[in-house]
Amino acid sequence: MRFRATRPRDSFAGAALTVAASAALAAAVAFAGSSGSREAETTPTYRIPAEQAREGESVPEGKTGRSADMTFTVVGFREGMTEVMGTHAAMGSKGTFTRIRVLAVNTGRDIQVFDTWKQRLVTADGAAHSPDVNATMIKRQPERLSVGSFMRAEFDLWFDVPRGAKAKAVRLHGSPTVGAVSDPAPAEIALP
């Protein structure tokens, strides 16, 4: 007895091949899409509640700099104030007060110490001004602040500058990293 291979009709074979090819293509696309989506995922970000700017305060964008392991962002700015008022005292300025709201983030593995008295406000005439002790105390802002590893802190720096002086930049100093033998270069951030 002899067996002979038979071929299905051409139209049936073509349809079967088309269905099989379509199924294989769909499976390949689905697989490629699912494997690619893992790579396309982004790292989630924290949702920090927004705060309203205070009266007369501007909210500059893109004002960030780095000194050692500290990244600084100016989040609020106001100049030309003639007095400061706190819970226990009020005081007039010698010139005018400038207030800078700063977000400090320690990106390192060790504690960074933020020292308010090392920071400087640079005015348009090139003069560098130290923070004002009285305004800092009246507004109960930190003198020295330990910023832990991957910690963020937000606070105000207060300066009393000559009347008519315009702020040009703020120089912000982080503390030396472990093993450093000198102070790091400051971050100089231009002001509006």
Protein backbone atom coordinates (compact mmCIF):
# COMPACT_ATOMS: atom_id res chain seq x y z
CA MET A 1 0.00 0.00 0.00
CA ARG A 2 1.32 3.32 -0.95
CA PHE A 3 0.54 6.59 0.80
CA ARG A 4 0.62 9.80 -1.01
CA ALA A 5 0.85 13.18 0.74
CA THR A 6 -1.94 15.43 -0.19
CA ARG A 7 -1.97 19.14 -0.08
CA PRO A 8 -4.92 21.10 1.23
CA ARG A 9 -6.52 23.46 -1.14
CA ASP A 10 -4.45 26.58 -1.73
CA SER A 11 -7.04 29.01 -0.39
CA PHE A 12 -7.36 27.11 2.87
CA ALA A 13 -3.56 26.87 3.31
CA GLY A 14 -3.10 30.57 2.61
CA ALA A 15 -5.75 31.53 5.15
CA ALA A 16 -4.25 29.22 7.79
CA LEU A 17 -0.80 30.69 7.24
CA THR A 18 -2.16 34.23 7.39
CA VAL A 19 -3.93 33.55 10.70
CA ALA A 20 -0.85 31.86 12.16
CA ALA A 21 1.42 34.70 11.04
CA SER A 22 -0.97 37.31 12.42
CA ALA A 23 -1.14 35.52 15.78
CA ALA A 24 2.66 35.25 15.96
CA LEU A 25 3.05 38.94 15.09
CA ALA A 26 0.48 39.99 17.71
CA ALA A 27 2.24 37.89 20.35
CA ALA A 28 5.61 39.40 19.46
CA VAL A 29 4.24 42.95 19.65
CA ALA A 30 2.55 42.24 22.99
CA PHE A 31 5.75 40.74 24.38
CA ALA A 32 7.89 43.60 23.11
CA GLY A 33 5.44 46.14 24.53
CA SER A 34 5.38 44.51 27.95
CA SER A 35 9.16 44.19 28.19
CA GLY A 36 9.70 47.75 26.96
CA SER A 37 7.28 49.24 29.45
CA ARG A 38 9.48 48.20 32.36
CA GLU A 39 12.36 50.15 30.88
CA ALA A 40 10.15 53.15 30.18
CA GLU A 41 8.96 53.42 33.80
CA THR A 42 10.34 56.44 35.62
CA THR A 43 11.31 56.72 39.25
CA PRO A 44 8.43 58.18 41.25
CA THR A 45 8.79 61.64 42.78
CA TYR A 46 7.60 62.89 46.15
CA ARG A 47 4.51 65.07 46.15
CA ILE A 48 5.45 67.97 48.44
CA PRO A 49 2.46 70.16 49.34
CA ALA A 50 2.69 73.59 47.72
CA GLU A 51 2.82 76.66 49.94
CA GLN A 52 1.48 80.07 49.07
CA ALA A 53 4.03 82.83 48.68
CA ARG A 54 3.98 85.44 51.42
CA GLU A 55 2.90 89.02 50.82
CA GLY A 56 5.20 90.79 48.34
CA GLU A 57 7.36 87.68 47.83
CA SER A 58 8.46 86.62 44.35
CA VAL A 59 8.82 82.94 43.52
CA PRO A 60 11.83 82.54 41.23
CA GLU A 61 12.23 79.37 39.17
CA GLY A 62 15.40 77.51 38.26
CA LYS A 63 17.50 79.19 40.96
CA THR A 64 19.59 76.25 42.17
CA GLY A 65 23.26 75.81 43.04
CA ARG A 66 25.55 73.34 44.82
CA SER A 67 28.26 73.64 47.47
CA ALA A 68 29.86 70.33 48.53
CA ASP A 69 27.02 67.90 49.27
CA MET A 70 24.43 70.65 49.73
CA THR A 71 22.10 71.64 46.92
CA PHE A 72 20.41 75.00 47.46
CA THR A 73 17.29 76.33 45.75
CA VAL A 74 15.97 79.86 46.22
CA VAL A 75 12.21 79.36 46.51
CA GLY A 76 11.18 82.85 47.66
CA PHE A 77 12.62 86.36 47.53
CA ARG A 78 11.62 89.78 48.81
CA GLU A 79 13.59 92.98 49.24
CA GLY A 80 12.89 96.56 50.34
CA MET A 81 11.23 95.77 53.69
CA THR A 82 11.72 98.44 56.36
CA GLU A 83 10.80 96.44 59.46
CA VAL A 84 10.64 92.93 60.80
CA MET A 85 8.09 91.71 63.31
CA GLY A 86 8.20 88.52 65.37
CA THR A 87 6.33 86.98 68.28
CA HIS A 88 8.37 88.84 70.89
CA ALA A 89 9.88 91.88 69.17
CA ALA A 90 9.75 94.27 66.22
CA MET A 91 12.61 96.21 64.72
CA GLY A 92 13.22 98.72 61.97
CA SER A 93 15.97 98.22 59.41
CA LYS A 94 19.09 100.37 59.16
CA GLY A 95 18.64 100.27 55.38
CA THR A 96 16.12 97.72 54.08
CA PHE A 97 15.65 94.05 54.76
CA THR A 98 16.00 91.36 52.11
CA ARG A 99 14.53 87.94 52.85
CA ILE A 100 15.54 84.85 50.88
CA ARG A 101 13.64 81.59 51.31
CA VAL A 102 16.06 78.68 50.79
CA LEU A 103 15.52 74.96 50.35
CA ALA A 104 18.68 73.08 51.37
CA VAL A 105 19.05 69.41 50.44
CA ASN A 106 21.92 67.23 51.66
CA THR A 107 22.70 64.81 48.82
CA GLY A 108 25.60 63.18 50.67
CA ARG A 109 25.98 60.26 53.04
CA ASP A 110 27.06 62.34 56.05
CA ILE A 111 25.59 65.27 58.00
CA GLN A 112 26.14 68.73 56.52
CA VAL A 113 26.05 71.75 58.83
CA PHE A 114 24.40 74.87 57.46
CA ASP A 115 25.91 77.91 59.15
CA THR A 116 23.75 81.00 58.64
CA TRP A 117 26.60 83.39 59.45
CA LYS A 118 28.75 82.14 56.52
CA GLN A 119 26.12 83.05 53.91
CA ARG A 120 26.35 86.28 51.90
CA LEU A 121 24.02 88.50 49.88
CA VAL A 122 25.78 90.21 46.97
CA THR A 123 24.31 93.53 45.88
CA ALA A 124 24.56 95.15 42.43
CA ASP A 125 27.56 97.25 43.57
CA GLY A 126 29.51 94.02 44.29
CA ALA A 127 29.37 94.33 48.09
CA ALA A 128 28.84 91.11 50.08
CA HIS A 129 26.56 91.43 53.12
CA SER A 130 26.35 89.14 56.16
CA PRO A 131 23.00 87.96 57.49
CA ASP A 132 21.38 90.30 60.02
CA VAL A 133 21.59 88.86 63.55
CA ASN A 134 18.58 90.72 64.96
CA ALA A 135 16.21 89.92 62.10
CA THR A 136 17.33 86.27 62.20
CA MET A 137 16.60 86.08 65.94
CA ILE A 138 13.30 87.99 65.77
CA LYS A 139 12.03 85.71 63.00
CA ARG A 140 13.37 82.66 64.90
CA GLN A 141 15.40 81.30 62.01
CA PRO A 142 18.30 78.85 62.54
CA GLU A 143 21.85 79.99 63.26
CA ARG A 144 23.31 76.54 62.64
CA LEU A 145 21.36 73.62 61.29
CA SER A 146 22.45 69.98 61.00
CA VAL A 147 21.05 68.65 57.74
CA GLY A 148 21.11 64.85 57.79
CA SER A 149 21.90 62.59 54.87
CA PHE A 150 19.26 63.01 52.15
CA MET A 151 17.35 65.43 54.37
CA ARG A 152 15.80 68.68 53.17
CA ALA A 153 15.26 71.86 55.17
CA GLU A 154 13.52 75.10 54.22
CA PHE A 155 14.12 78.41 56.02
CA ASP A 156 14.69 82.16 55.58
CA LEU A 157 17.90 84.16 55.43
CA TRP A 158 17.56 87.82 56.50
CA PHE A 159 19.90 90.61 55.37
CA ASP A 160 19.89 94.35 56.19
CA VAL A 161 21.39 96.20 53.22
CA PRO A 162 21.84 99.94 52.54
CA ARG A 163 18.71 101.69 51.35
CA GLY A 164 18.46 101.56 47.55
CA ALA A 165 20.82 98.56 47.25
CA LYS A 166 19.55 95.85 44.88
CA ALA A 167 20.24 92.17 45.40
CA LYS A 168 22.26 90.57 42.62
CA ALA A 169 23.06 87.08 44.01
CA VAL A 170 23.23 84.99 47.14
CA ARG A 171 26.37 83.00 48.05
CA LEU A 172 25.50 79.84 49.91
CA HIS A 173 28.10 77.69 51.64
CA GLY A 174 27.80 74.00 52.47
CA SER A 175 30.14 72.37 54.95
CA PRO A 176 33.23 70.34 54.01
CA THR A 177 32.64 66.71 53.09
CA VAL A 178 34.32 63.89 55.04
CA GLY A 179 38.07 64.01 54.41
CA ALA A 180 38.06 67.52 52.89
CA VAL A 181 40.92 69.75 54.02
CA SER A 182 39.32 73.08 53.11
CA ASP A 183 35.92 74.74 52.89
CA PRO A 184 34.01 74.06 49.67
CA ALA A 185 33.40 76.72 47.07
CA PRO A 186 30.05 78.45 47.58
CA ALA A 187 27.05 78.17 45.30
CA GLU A 188 26.39 81.60 43.81
CA ILE A 189 22.76 81.91 42.75
CA ALA A 190 21.61 84.93 40.75
CA LEU A 191 18.56 86.73 42.13
CA PRO A 192 15.74 88.29 40.11
